[in-house]
């Protein structure tokens, strides 16, 4: 009895729950958007332009959004028509599709009707297929500004002035002046060239570089580097010794770079070099060896004096100009 009552109570609860939920909802289907047809519209403004007035031609193509329109042949120039400009295409949304516009600016140079022919378009789809379109451009007419029955009158003949020179005189004068200007200009150019050639032939030849010039150039480079500081004195005296020995070897033709300071001093005396120059070289190289090998540096003022001594050694041996430059 109790079990039957329980089953009955469960059935009542289930029926009440189903009634509370209500009937199953129904969904309305959204209608598909209608397909957008291909449509080409061409406008020409103004329809009756004046001669030489600019005319605007607009080609407008309505197409679906998944299509691309390409212009394969547009407005072309002719004997009576000039194409001034062709604007790039412009695509804009329009309803369920898009609109692509192509604009041209032309200028007519003939009265009466002007036929612009047609334009050719290609519509491309995503799957690679295409469709070709040809649309004729509406013709326009350039009206005449003359009234009805009006006729063009010929130009009046040129007036003749009594006593005026013949027509050929003025051009002949201009031609003669032009020839004279060209002749004077050519003469001036020729004279300038002769003067330049004469100066080049009489200019003194540059003197050949000597061993003294090369040594001075190297000493100038040391002075420009400004090595007269305590950390750089070893480099300073090392370069000073190398330049002095190299100069003596180049100038007097003996291996000054391979000799010790005492050997070099005896060799210079044997070669008959000036005693004062020999003493300067020996003293300078002694101070250079002390700085390079013994790390014994003189005061900075003395180092600057040694650079002057190197210049003096070079100048003492410089040969006279008659010996430096052979005849």
C-alpha atoms as a PDB file:
ATOM      1  CA  UNK A   1       0.000   0.000   0.000  1.00  0.00           C
ATOM      2  CA  UNK A   2       2.767   2.409   0.905  1.00  0.00           C
ATOM      3  CA  UNK A   3       4.765   1.458  -2.212  1.00  0.00           C
ATOM      4  CA  UNK A   4       1.767   2.179  -4.446  1.00  0.00           C
ATOM      5  CA  UNK A   5       1.282   5.559  -2.794  1.00  0.00           C
ATOM      6  CA  UNK A   6       4.941   6.390  -3.409  1.00  0.00           C
ATOM      7  CA  UNK A   7       4.707   5.573  -7.115  1.00  0.00           C
ATOM      8  CA  UNK A   8       1.557   7.647  -7.448  1.00  0.00           C
ATOM      9  CA  UNK A   9       3.201  10.636  -5.731  1.00  0.00           C
ATOM     10  CA  UNK A  10       6.253  10.399  -8.079  1.00  0.00           C
ATOM     11  CA  UNK A  11       4.053  10.389 -11.161  1.00  0.00           C
ATOM     12  CA  UNK A  12       2.186  13.482  -9.926  1.00  0.00           C
ATOM     13  CA  UNK A  13       5.501  15.355  -9.346  1.00  0.00           C
ATOM     14  CA  UNK A  14       6.797  14.425 -12.830  1.00  0.00           C
ATOM     15  CA  UNK A  15       3.596  15.682 -14.478  1.00  0.00           C
ATOM     16  CA  UNK A  16       3.807  18.970 -12.573  1.00  0.00           C
ATOM     17  CA  UNK A  17       7.464  19.474 -13.653  1.00  0.00           C
ATOM     18  CA  UNK A  18       6.656  18.874 -17.309  1.00  0.00           C
ATOM     19  CA  UNK A  19       3.742  21.291 -17.151  1.00  0.00           C
ATOM     20  CA  UNK A  20       5.965  24.022 -15.624  1.00  0.00           C
ATOM     21  CA  UNK A  21       8.522  23.801 -18.436  1.00  0.00           C
ATOM     22  CA  UNK A  22       5.904  24.602 -21.073  1.00  0.00           C
ATOM     23  CA  UNK A  23       5.995  23.649 -24.756  1.00  0.00           C
ATOM     24  CA  UNK A  24       9.337  23.300 -26.616  1.00  0.00           C
ATOM     25  CA  UNK A  25      10.479  26.587 -28.260  1.00  0.00           C
ATOM     26  CA  UNK A  26      10.434  26.951 -32.007  1.00  0.00           C
ATOM     27  CA  UNK A  27      13.097  28.963 -33.984  1.00  0.00           C
ATOM     28  CA  UNK A  28      12.358  30.959 -37.105  1.00  0.00           C
ATOM     29  CA  UNK A  29      14.864  30.524 -39.961  1.00  0.00           C
ATOM     30  CA  UNK A  30      16.627  33.686 -41.148  1.00  0.00           C
ATOM     31  CA  UNK A  31      16.013  34.201 -44.831  1.00  0.00           C
ATOM     32  CA  UNK A  32      19.193  34.288 -46.961  1.00  0.00           C
ATOM     33  CA  UNK A  33      20.279  37.638 -48.364  1.00  0.00           C
ATOM     34  CA  UNK A  34      19.285  38.039 -51.965  1.00  0.00           C
ATOM     35  CA  UNK A  35      22.091  37.689 -54.508  1.00  0.00           C
ATOM     36  CA  UNK A  36      23.549  40.983 -55.826  1.00  0.00           C
ATOM     37  CA  UNK A  37      23.460  41.162 -59.617  1.00  0.00           C
ATOM     38  CA  UNK A  38      26.291  42.674 -61.689  1.00  0.00           C
ATOM     39  CA  UNK A  39      25.321  46.098 -62.957  1.00  0.00           C
ATOM     40  CA  UNK A  40      27.435  48.708 -64.802  1.00  0.00           C
ATOM     41  CA  UNK A  41      26.492  52.385 -64.811  1.00  0.00           C
ATOM     42  CA  UNK A  42      28.467  55.037 -66.760  1.00  0.00           C
ATOM     43  CA  UNK A  43      27.938  58.777 -66.331  1.00  0.00           C
ATOM     44  CA  UNK A  44      29.387  61.640 -68.401  1.00  0.00           C
ATOM     45  CA  UNK A  45      29.357  65.208 -67.021  1.00  0.00           C
ATOM     46  CA  UNK A  46      28.754  67.693 -68.466  1.00  0.00           C
ATOM     47  CA  UNK A  47      26.802  66.227 -71.347  1.00  0.00           C
ATOM     48  CA  UNK A  48      27.390  69.289 -73.578  1.00  0.00           C
ATOM     49  CA  UNK A  49      30.793  70.731 -72.628  1.00  0.00           C
ATOM     50  CA  UNK A  50      32.438  73.667 -74.295  1.00  0.00           C
ATOM     51  CA  UNK A  51      35.443  73.241 -76.531  1.00  0.00           C
ATOM     52  CA  UNK A  52      38.464  72.395 -74.317  1.00  0.00           C
ATOM     53  CA  UNK A  53      36.364  72.017 -71.150  1.00  0.00           C
ATOM     54  CA  UNK A  54      37.156  69.077 -68.877  1.00  0.00           C
ATOM     55  CA  UNK A  55      34.708  66.164 -68.991  1.00  0.00           C
ATOM     56  CA  UNK A  56      34.428  63.620 -66.168  1.00  0.00           C
ATOM     57  CA  UNK A  57      33.568  59.994 -66.991  1.00  0.00           C
ATOM     58  CA  UNK A  58      32.652  57.701 -64.061  1.00  0.00           C
ATOM     59  CA  UNK A  59      32.260  53.925 -64.539  1.00  0.00           C
ATOM     60  CA  UNK A  60      30.407  52.361 -61.575  1.00  0.00           C
ATOM     61  CA  UNK A  61      30.059  48.583 -61.126  1.00  0.00           C
ATOM     62  CA  UNK A  62      27.723  47.012 -58.531  1.00  0.00           C
ATOM     63  CA  UNK A  63      28.832  43.479 -57.617  1.00  0.00           C
ATOM     64  CA  UNK A  64      28.772  40.933 -54.747  1.00  0.00           C
ATOM     65  CA  UNK A  65      31.221  41.378 -51.888  1.00  0.00           C
ATOM     66  CA  UNK A  66      33.136  38.225 -52.825  1.00  0.00           C
ATOM     67  CA  UNK A  67      33.977  39.541 -56.298  1.00  0.00           C
ATOM     68  CA  UNK A  68      36.809  41.778 -57.529  1.00  0.00           C
ATOM     69  CA  UNK A  69      36.367  44.048 -60.559  1.00  0.00           C
ATOM     70  CA  UNK A  70      39.364  44.835 -62.784  1.00  0.00           C
ATOM     71  CA  UNK A  71      39.399  47.373 -65.639  1.00  0.00           C
ATOM     72  CA  UNK A  72      41.078  45.777 -68.669  1.00  0.00           C
ATOM     73  CA  UNK A  73      40.478  48.663 -71.124  1.00  0.00           C
ATOM     74  CA  UNK A  74      39.468  52.172 -70.158  1.00  0.00           C
ATOM     75  CA  UNK A  75      38.956  55.477 -71.937  1.00  0.00           C
ATOM     76  CA  UNK A  76      41.575  55.998 -74.656  1.00  0.00           C
ATOM     77  CA  UNK A  77      42.817  59.179 -76.329  1.00  0.00           C
ATOM     78  CA  UNK A  78      42.019  59.958 -79.947  1.00  0.00           C
ATOM     79  CA  UNK A  79      42.733  62.634 -82.545  1.00  0.00           C
ATOM     80  CA  UNK A  80      39.999  64.879 -81.081  1.00  0.00           C
ATOM     81  CA  UNK A  81      40.161  63.822 -77.431  1.00  0.00           C
ATOM     82  CA  UNK A  82      42.887  63.914 -74.774  1.00  0.00           C
ATOM     83  CA  UNK A  83      42.825  61.830 -71.569  1.00  0.00           C
ATOM     84  CA  UNK A  84      43.975  64.180 -68.818  1.00  0.00           C
ATOM     85  CA  UNK A  85      43.809  61.836 -65.806  1.00  0.00           C
ATOM     86  CA  UNK A  86      42.715  58.319 -64.769  1.00  0.00           C
ATOM     87  CA  UNK A  87      42.033  57.938 -61.039  1.00  0.00           C
ATOM     88  CA  UNK A  88      42.697  54.631 -59.219  1.00  0.00           C
ATOM     89  CA  UNK A  89      39.627  52.440 -58.548  1.00  0.00           C
ATOM     90  CA  UNK A  90      37.588  53.036 -55.400  1.00  0.00           C
ATOM     91  CA  UNK A  91      35.568  50.219 -53.739  1.00  0.00           C
ATOM     92  CA  UNK A  92      32.843  50.976 -51.178  1.00  0.00           C
ATOM     93  CA  UNK A  93      30.063  48.883 -49.550  1.00  0.00           C
ATOM     94  CA  UNK A  94      26.599  49.217 -51.086  1.00  0.00           C
ATOM     95  CA  UNK A  95      23.626  47.343 -49.633  1.00  0.00           C
ATOM     96  CA  UNK A  96      24.357  43.598 -49.633  1.00  0.00           C
ATOM     97  CA  UNK A  97      27.305  44.017 -52.010  1.00  0.00           C
ATOM     98  CA  UNK A  98      29.917  46.532 -53.086  1.00  0.00           C
ATOM     99  CA  UNK A  99      30.439  49.266 -55.654  1.00  0.00           C
ATOM    100  CA  UNK A 100      33.717  49.752 -57.542  1.00  0.00           C
ATOM    101  CA  UNK A 101      34.182  53.051 -59.387  1.00  0.00           C
ATOM    102  CA  UNK A 102      36.653  54.068 -62.113  1.00  0.00           C
ATOM    103  CA  UNK A 103      37.036  57.779 -62.954  1.00  0.00           C
ATOM    104  CA  UNK A 104      38.522  59.486 -66.017  1.00  0.00           C
ATOM    105  CA  UNK A 105      39.013  63.134 -66.974  1.00  0.00           C
ATOM    106  CA  UNK A 106      39.054  63.927 -70.707  1.00  0.00           C
ATOM    107  CA  UNK A 107      39.277  67.108 -72.778  1.00  0.00           C
ATOM    108  CA  UNK A 108      37.624  67.462 -76.214  1.00  0.00           C
ATOM    109  CA  UNK A 109      39.187  69.511 -79.023  1.00  0.00           C
ATOM    110  CA  UNK A 110      36.565  69.120 -81.761  1.00  0.00           C
ATOM    111  CA  UNK A 111      33.032  70.432 -82.215  1.00  0.00           C
ATOM    112  CA  UNK A 112      30.105  68.075 -82.578  1.00  0.00           C
ATOM    113  CA  UNK A 113      29.651  64.544 -81.314  1.00  0.00           C
ATOM    114  CA  UNK A 114      32.447  62.724 -79.488  1.00  0.00           C
ATOM    115  CA  UNK A 115      32.245  58.946 -79.234  1.00  0.00           C
ATOM    116  CA  UNK A 116      34.307  57.500 -76.375  1.00  0.00           C
ATOM    117  CA  UNK A 117      33.783  53.880 -77.386  1.00  0.00           C
ATOM    118  CA  UNK A 118      33.407  51.325 -74.585  1.00  0.00           C
ATOM    119  CA  UNK A 119      35.175  50.029 -71.504  1.00  0.00           C
ATOM    120  CA  UNK A 120      36.058  46.396 -70.806  1.00  0.00           C
ATOM    121  CA  UNK A 121      35.855  44.934 -67.298  1.00  0.00           C
ATOM    122  CA  UNK A 122      36.693  41.574 -65.735  1.00  0.00           C
ATOM    123  CA  UNK A 123      34.988  40.249 -62.606  1.00  0.00           C
ATOM    124  CA  UNK A 124      37.096  37.751 -60.633  1.00  0.00           C
ATOM    125  CA  UNK A 125      35.690  35.208 -58.122  1.00  0.00           C
ATOM    126  CA  UNK A 126      37.426  33.460 -55.208  1.00  0.00           C
ATOM    127  CA  UNK A 127      37.445  30.090 -57.007  1.00  0.00           C
ATOM    128  CA  UNK A 128      39.476  31.576 -59.889  1.00  0.00           C
ATOM    129  CA  UNK A 129      36.603  31.941 -62.336  1.00  0.00           C
ATOM    130  CA  UNK A 130      36.037  35.226 -64.124  1.00  0.00           C
ATOM    131  CA  UNK A 131      33.415  37.032 -66.156  1.00  0.00           C
ATOM    132  CA  UNK A 132      34.056  39.658 -68.854  1.00  0.00           C
ATOM    133  CA  UNK A 133      31.860  42.736 -69.207  1.00  0.00           C
ATOM    134  CA  UNK A 134      31.729  45.324 -72.008  1.00  0.00           C
ATOM    135  CA  UNK A 135      29.867  48.608 -71.480  1.00  0.00           C
ATOM    136  CA  UNK A 136      29.455  51.435 -73.991  1.00  0.00           C
ATOM    137  CA  UNK A 137      30.215  54.979 -72.851  1.00  0.00           C
ATOM    138  CA  UNK A 138      27.467  57.474 -73.623  1.00  0.00           C
ATOM    139  CA  UNK A 139      28.599  59.942 -76.303  1.00  0.00           C
ATOM    140  CA  UNK A 140      28.578  63.670 -75.700  1.00  0.00           C
ATOM    141  CA  UNK A 141      28.429  66.671 -77.991  1.00  0.00           C
ATOM    142  CA  UNK A 142      30.461  69.877 -78.031  1.00  0.00           C
ATOM    143  CA  UNK A 143      28.113  72.619 -79.302  1.00  0.00           C
ATOM    144  CA  UNK A 144      29.289  75.604 -81.289  1.00  0.00           C
ATOM    145  CA  UNK A 145      29.096  79.028 -79.633  1.00  0.00           C
ATOM    146  CA  UNK A 146      28.083  80.710 -82.910  1.00  0.00           C
ATOM    147  CA  UNK A 147      24.484  81.676 -83.338  1.00  0.00           C
ATOM    148  CA  UNK A 148      22.248  80.216 -86.048  1.00  0.00           C
ATOM    149  CA  UNK A 149      23.261  81.321 -89.530  1.00  0.00           C
ATOM    150  CA  UNK A 150      26.567  82.796 -88.332  1.00  0.00           C
ATOM    151  CA  UNK A 151      29.670  82.202 -90.444  1.00  0.00           C
ATOM    152  CA  UNK A 152      33.347  82.568 -89.726  1.00  0.00           C
ATOM    153  CA  UNK A 153      34.996  85.554 -91.325  1.00  0.00           C
ATOM    154  CA  UNK A 154      38.532  85.317 -92.707  1.00  0.00           C
ATOM    155  CA  UNK A 155      41.318  87.298 -91.063  1.00  0.00           C
ATOM    156  CA  UNK A 156      42.177  90.706 -92.416  1.00  0.00           C
ATOM    157  CA  UNK A 157      45.317  90.927 -94.541  1.00  0.00           C
ATOM    158  CA  UNK A 158      48.409  92.282 -92.823  1.00  0.00           C
ATOM    159  CA  UNK A 159      48.861  96.011 -93.038  1.00  0.00           C
ATOM    160  CA  UNK A 160      51.670  97.352 -95.208  1.00  0.00           C
ATOM    161  CA  UNK A 161      53.659 100.293 -93.789  1.00  0.00           C
ATOM    162  CA  UNK A 162      55.232 102.645 -96.303  1.00  0.00           C
ATOM    163  CA  UNK A 163      59.021 102.846 -96.111  1.00  0.00           C
ATOM    164  CA  UNK A 164      59.369  99.726 -93.960  1.00  0.00           C
ATOM    165  CA  UNK A 165      62.375  97.453 -94.707  1.00  0.00           C
ATOM    166  CA  UNK A 166      61.792  94.129 -96.471  1.00  0.00           C
ATOM    167  CA  UNK A 167      60.715  91.175 -94.348  1.00  0.00           C
ATOM    168  CA  UNK A 168      64.076  89.406 -94.685  1.00  0.00           C
ATOM    169  CA  UNK A 169      66.132  92.252 -93.194  1.00  0.00           C
ATOM    170  CA  UNK A 170      65.280  91.690 -89.530  1.00  0.00           C
ATOM    171  CA  UNK A 171      65.987  87.892 -89.548  1.00  0.00           C
ATOM    172  CA  UNK A 172      69.247  88.571 -91.394  1.00  0.00           C
ATOM    173  CA  UNK A 173      70.314  91.054 -88.696  1.00  0.00           C
ATOM    174  CA  UNK A 174      69.525  88.528 -85.945  1.00  0.00           C
ATOM    175  CA  UNK A 175      71.504  85.839 -87.774  1.00  0.00           C
ATOM    176  CA  UNK A 176      74.518  88.150 -88.223  1.00  0.00           C
ATOM    177  CA  UNK A 177      74.489  89.102 -84.528  1.00  0.00           C
ATOM    178  CA  UNK A 178      74.340  85.415 -83.582  1.00  0.00           C
ATOM    179  CA  UNK A 179      77.308  84.559 -85.809  1.00  0.00           C
ATOM    180  CA  UNK A 180      79.289  87.473 -84.362  1.00  0.00           C
ATOM    181  CA  UNK A 181      78.589  86.377 -80.770  1.00  0.00           C
ATOM    182  CA  UNK A 182      79.664  82.806 -81.549  1.00  0.00           C
ATOM    183  CA  UNK A 183      82.876  84.014 -83.223  1.00  0.00           C
ATOM    184  CA  UNK A 184      83.819  86.315 -80.325  1.00  0.00           C
ATOM    185  CA  UNK A 185      83.088  83.575 -77.788  1.00  0.00           C
ATOM    186  CA  UNK A 186      85.210  81.054 -79.692  1.00  0.00           C
ATOM    187  CA  UNK A 187      88.108  83.530 -79.891  1.00  0.00           C
ATOM    188  CA  UNK A 188      87.968  84.180 -76.143  1.00  0.00           C
ATOM    189  CA  UNK A 189      87.902  80.459 -75.333  1.00  0.00           C
ATOM    190  CA  UNK A 190      90.877  79.849 -77.648  1.00  0.00           C
ATOM    191  CA  UNK A 191      92.838  82.682 -76.035  1.00  0.00           C
ATOM    192  CA  UNK A 192      92.171  81.390 -72.513  1.00  0.00           C
ATOM    193  CA  UNK A 193      93.298  77.898 -73.522  1.00  0.00           C
ATOM    194  CA  UNK A 194      96.537  79.270 -75.002  1.00  0.00           C
ATOM    195  CA  UNK A 195      97.314  81.202 -71.824  1.00  0.00           C
ATOM    196  CA  UNK A 196      96.680  78.153 -69.650  1.00  0.00           C
ATOM    197  CA  UNK A 197      98.884  75.994 -71.901  1.00  0.00           C
ATOM    198  CA  UNK A 198     101.666  78.626 -71.749  1.00  0.00           C
ATOM    199  CA  UNK A 199     101.496  78.793 -67.955  1.00  0.00           C
ATOM    200  CA  UNK A 200     101.596  75.008 -67.708  1.00  0.00           C
ATOM    201  CA  UNK A 201     104.676  74.839 -69.965  1.00  0.00           C
ATOM    202  CA  UNK A 202     106.586  77.584 -68.094  1.00  0.00           C
ATOM    203  CA  UNK A 203     105.640  76.526 -64.552  1.00  0.00           C
ATOM    204  CA  UNK A 204     108.611  75.242 -62.505  1.00  0.00           C
ATOM    205  CA  UNK A 205     108.691  71.504 -62.012  1.00  0.00           C
ATOM    206  CA  UNK A 206     108.163  70.330 -58.419  1.00  0.00           C
ATOM    207  CA  UNK A 207     111.378  69.350 -56.667  1.00  0.00           C
ATOM    208  CA  UNK A 208     111.804  65.631 -56.024  1.00  0.00           C
ATOM    209  CA  UNK A 209     111.365  64.526 -52.431  1.00  0.00           C
ATOM    210  CA  UNK A 210     114.667  64.012 -50.594  1.00  0.00           C
ATOM    211  CA  UNK A 211     115.654  61.950 -47.569  1.00  0.00           C
ATOM    212  CA  UNK A 212     115.513  65.153 -45.510  1.00  0.00           C
ATOM    213  CA  UNK A 213     111.915  65.836 -46.615  1.00  0.00           C
ATOM    214  CA  UNK A 214     110.815  62.330 -45.649  1.00  0.00           C
ATOM    215  CA  UNK A 215     112.533  62.554 -42.257  1.00  0.00           C
ATOM    216  CA  UNK A 216     110.926  65.940 -41.543  1.00  0.00           C
ATOM    217  CA  UNK A 217     107.514  64.517 -42.490  1.00  0.00           C
ATOM    218  CA  UNK A 218     107.967  61.695 -39.970  1.00  0.00           C
ATOM    219  CA  UNK A 219     109.117  64.094 -37.259  1.00  0.00           C
ATOM    220  CA  UNK A 220     106.116  66.323 -37.948  1.00  0.00           C
ATOM    221  CA  UNK A 221     103.862  63.277 -37.443  1.00  0.00           C
ATOM    222  CA  UNK A 222     105.423  62.643 -34.017  1.00  0.00           C
ATOM    223  CA  UNK A 223     104.868  66.285 -33.040  1.00  0.00           C
ATOM    224  CA  UNK A 224     101.242  66.108 -34.209  1.00  0.00           C
ATOM    225  CA  UNK A 225     100.591  63.004 -32.056  1.00  0.00           C
ATOM    226  CA  UNK A 226     101.693  64.937 -28.944  1.00  0.00           C
ATOM    227  CA  UNK A 227     103.604  62.041 -27.296  1.00  0.00           C
ATOM    228  CA  UNK A 228     105.306  64.332 -24.754  1.00  0.00           C
ATOM    229  CA  UNK A 229     103.606  62.747 -21.753  1.00  0.00           C
ATOM    230  CA  UNK A 230     105.138  60.413 -19.163  1.00  0.00           C
ATOM    231  CA  UNK A 231     103.248  57.252 -20.304  1.00  0.00           C
ATOM    232  CA  UNK A 232     104.214  57.885 -23.955  1.00  0.00           C
ATOM    233  CA  UNK A 233     107.898  58.753 -23.580  1.00  0.00           C
ATOM    234  CA  UNK A 234     109.019  55.192 -24.373  1.00  0.00           C
ATOM    235  CA  UNK A 235     107.092  55.301 -27.678  1.00  0.00           C
ATOM    236  CA  UNK A 236     108.331  58.839 -28.335  1.00  0.00           C
ATOM    237  CA  UNK A 237     112.028  57.971 -27.970  1.00  0.00           C
ATOM    238  CA  UNK A 238     111.623  54.670 -29.807  1.00  0.00           C
ATOM    239  CA  UNK A 239     110.211  56.430 -32.874  1.00  0.00           C
ATOM    240  CA  UNK A 240     112.791  59.225 -32.585  1.00  0.00           C
ATOM    241  CA  UNK A 241     115.629  56.653 -32.670  1.00  0.00           C
ATOM    242  CA  UNK A 242     114.087  54.785 -35.611  1.00  0.00           C
ATOM    243  CA  UNK A 243     113.614  57.959 -37.688  1.00  0.00           C
ATOM    244  CA  UNK A 244     117.156  59.210 -37.013  1.00  0.00           C
ATOM    245  CA  UNK A 245     118.793  55.879 -37.880  1.00  0.00           C
ATOM    246  CA  UNK A 246     116.639  55.468 -40.980  1.00  0.00           C
ATOM    247  CA  UNK A 247     117.538  58.935 -42.194  1.00  0.00           C
ATOM    248  CA  UNK A 248     121.284  58.364 -41.738  1.00  0.00           C
ATOM    249  CA  UNK A 249     121.053  55.044 -43.599  1.00  0.00           C
ATOM    250  CA  UNK A 250     119.173  56.650 -46.509  1.00  0.00           C
ATOM    251  CA  UNK A 251     121.380  59.755 -46.658  1.00  0.00           C
ATOM    252  CA  UNK A 252     124.866  58.256 -46.245  1.00  0.00           C
ATOM    253  CA  UNK A 253     124.306  54.739 -47.637  1.00  0.00           C
ATOM    254  CA  UNK A 254     125.448  52.600 -44.659  1.00  0.00           C
ATOM    255  CA  UNK A 255     123.462  50.260 -42.384  1.00  0.00           C
ATOM    256  CA  UNK A 256     122.761  52.670 -39.567  1.00  0.00           C
ATOM    257  CA  UNK A 257     119.819  50.605 -38.339  1.00  0.00           C
ATOM    258  CA  UNK A 258     122.028  47.523 -37.786  1.00  0.00           C
ATOM    259  CA  UNK A 259     124.792  49.289 -35.809  1.00  0.00           C
ATOM    260  CA  UNK A 260     124.975  50.005 -32.106  1.00  0.00           C
ATOM    261  CA  UNK A 261     125.262  53.577 -30.938  1.00  0.00           C
ATOM    262  CA  UNK A 262     129.071  53.377 -30.513  1.00  0.00           C
ATOM    263  CA  UNK A 263     129.524  51.541 -33.853  1.00  0.00           C
ATOM    264  CA  UNK A 264     127.427  54.169 -35.575  1.00  0.00           C
ATOM    265  CA  UNK A 265     129.474  56.964 -33.995  1.00  0.00           C
ATOM    266  CA  UNK A 266     132.756  55.400 -35.260  1.00  0.00           C
ATOM    267  CA  UNK A 267     131.254  54.814 -38.738  1.00  0.00           C
ATOM    268  CA  UNK A 268     130.143  58.449 -39.023  1.00  0.00           C
ATOM    269  CA  UNK A 269     133.627  59.628 -38.060  1.00  0.00           C
ATOM    270  CA  UNK A 270     135.170  57.251 -40.641  1.00  0.00           C
ATOM    271  CA  UNK A 271     132.839  58.609 -43.331  1.00  0.00           C
ATOM    272  CA  UNK A 272     134.135  62.124 -42.628  1.00  0.00           C
ATOM    273  CA  UNK A 273     130.823  63.536 -41.353  1.00  0.00           C
ATOM    274  CA  UNK A 274     130.743  66.840 -39.531  1.00  0.00           C
ATOM    275  CA  UNK A 275     131.895  66.525 -35.910  1.00  0.00           C
ATOM    276  CA  UNK A 276     129.045  68.593 -34.571  1.00  0.00           C
ATOM    277  CA  UNK A 277     126.491  66.428 -36.374  1.00  0.00           C
ATOM    278  CA  UNK A 278     128.214  63.270 -35.100  1.00  0.00           C
ATOM    279  CA  UNK A 279     128.073  64.520 -31.507  1.00  0.00           C
ATOM    280  CA  UNK A 280     124.385  65.429 -31.857  1.00  0.00           C
ATOM    281  CA  UNK A 281     123.559  61.976 -33.222  1.00  0.00           C
ATOM    282  CA  UNK A 282     125.540  60.175 -30.493  1.00  0.00           C
ATOM    283  CA  UNK A 283     123.940  62.192 -27.679  1.00  0.00           C
ATOM    284  CA  UNK A 284     120.412  61.817 -29.029  1.00  0.00           C
ATOM    285  CA  UNK A 285     120.727  58.055 -29.560  1.00  0.00           C
ATOM    286  CA  UNK A 286     122.200  57.634 -26.054  1.00  0.00           C
ATOM    287  CA  UNK A 287     119.107  59.263 -24.505  1.00  0.00           C
ATOM    288  CA  UNK A 288     116.826  57.220 -26.806  1.00  0.00           C
ATOM    289  CA  UNK A 289     118.486  53.916 -25.695  1.00  0.00           C
ATOM    290  CA  UNK A 290     118.212  54.917 -22.038  1.00  0.00           C
ATOM    291  CA  UNK A 291     114.473  55.594 -22.397  1.00  0.00           C
ATOM    292  CA  UNK A 292     113.680  52.489 -24.481  1.00  0.00           C
ATOM    293  CA  UNK A 293     115.856  49.862 -22.800  1.00  0.00           C
ATOM    294  CA  UNK A 294     116.484  51.200 -19.256  1.00  0.00           C
ATOM    295  CA  UNK A 295     113.173  53.082 -18.805  1.00  0.00           C
ATOM    296  CA  UNK A 296     115.094  56.188 -17.767  1.00  0.00           C
ATOM    297  CA  UNK A 297     113.138  59.220 -18.938  1.00  0.00           C
ATOM    298  CA  UNK A 298     114.327  62.839 -18.945  1.00  0.00           C
ATOM    299  CA  UNK A 299     112.050  65.755 -18.016  1.00  0.00           C
ATOM    300  CA  UNK A 300     109.364  66.651 -20.559  1.00  0.00           C
ATOM    301  CA  UNK A 301     111.169  69.888 -21.480  1.00  0.00           C
ATOM    302  CA  UNK A 302     114.302  67.877 -22.334  1.00  0.00           C
ATOM    303  CA  UNK A 303     112.224  65.462 -24.437  1.00  0.00           C
ATOM    304  CA  UNK A 304     110.841  68.371 -26.417  1.00  0.00           C
ATOM    305  CA  UNK A 305     114.414  69.647 -26.900  1.00  0.00           C
ATOM    306  CA  UNK A 306     115.443  66.215 -28.234  1.00  0.00           C
ATOM    307  CA  UNK A 307     112.770  66.513 -30.947  1.00  0.00           C
ATOM    308  CA  UNK A 308     114.362  69.832 -31.971  1.00  0.00           C
ATOM    309  CA  UNK A 309     117.765  68.151 -32.022  1.00  0.00           C
ATOM    310  CA  UNK A 310     116.424  65.527 -34.440  1.00  0.00           C
ATOM    311  CA  UNK A 311     115.232  68.308 -36.770  1.00  0.00           C
ATOM    312  CA  UNK A 312     118.709  69.917 -36.581  1.00  0.00           C
ATOM    313  CA  UNK A 313     120.455  66.613 -37.437  1.00  0.00           C
ATOM    314  CA  UNK A 314     118.326  66.322 -40.558  1.00  0.00           C
ATOM    315  CA  UNK A 315     118.937  69.905 -41.696  1.00  0.00           C
ATOM    316  CA  UNK A 316     122.688  69.807 -41.117  1.00  0.00           C
ATOM    317  CA  UNK A 317     123.118  67.108 -43.762  1.00  0.00           C
ATOM    318  CA  UNK A 318     120.744  68.572 -46.354  1.00  0.00           C
ATOM    319  CA  UNK A 319     122.684  68.985 -49.617  1.00  0.00           C
ATOM    320  CA  UNK A 320     122.688  72.302 -51.527  1.00  0.00           C
ATOM    321  CA  UNK A 321     119.947  72.826 -54.112  1.00  0.00           C
ATOM    322  CA  UNK A 322     122.388  72.387 -57.012  1.00  0.00           C
ATOM    323  CA  UNK A 323     123.236  68.892 -55.772  1.00  0.00           C
ATOM    324  CA  UNK A 324     119.686  67.875 -54.896  1.00  0.00           C
ATOM    325  CA  UNK A 325     118.299  68.670 -58.370  1.00  0.00           C
ATOM    326  CA  UNK A 326     120.434  67.328 -61.241  1.00  0.00           C
ATOM    327  CA  UNK A 327     120.747  69.589 -64.302  1.00  0.00           C
END
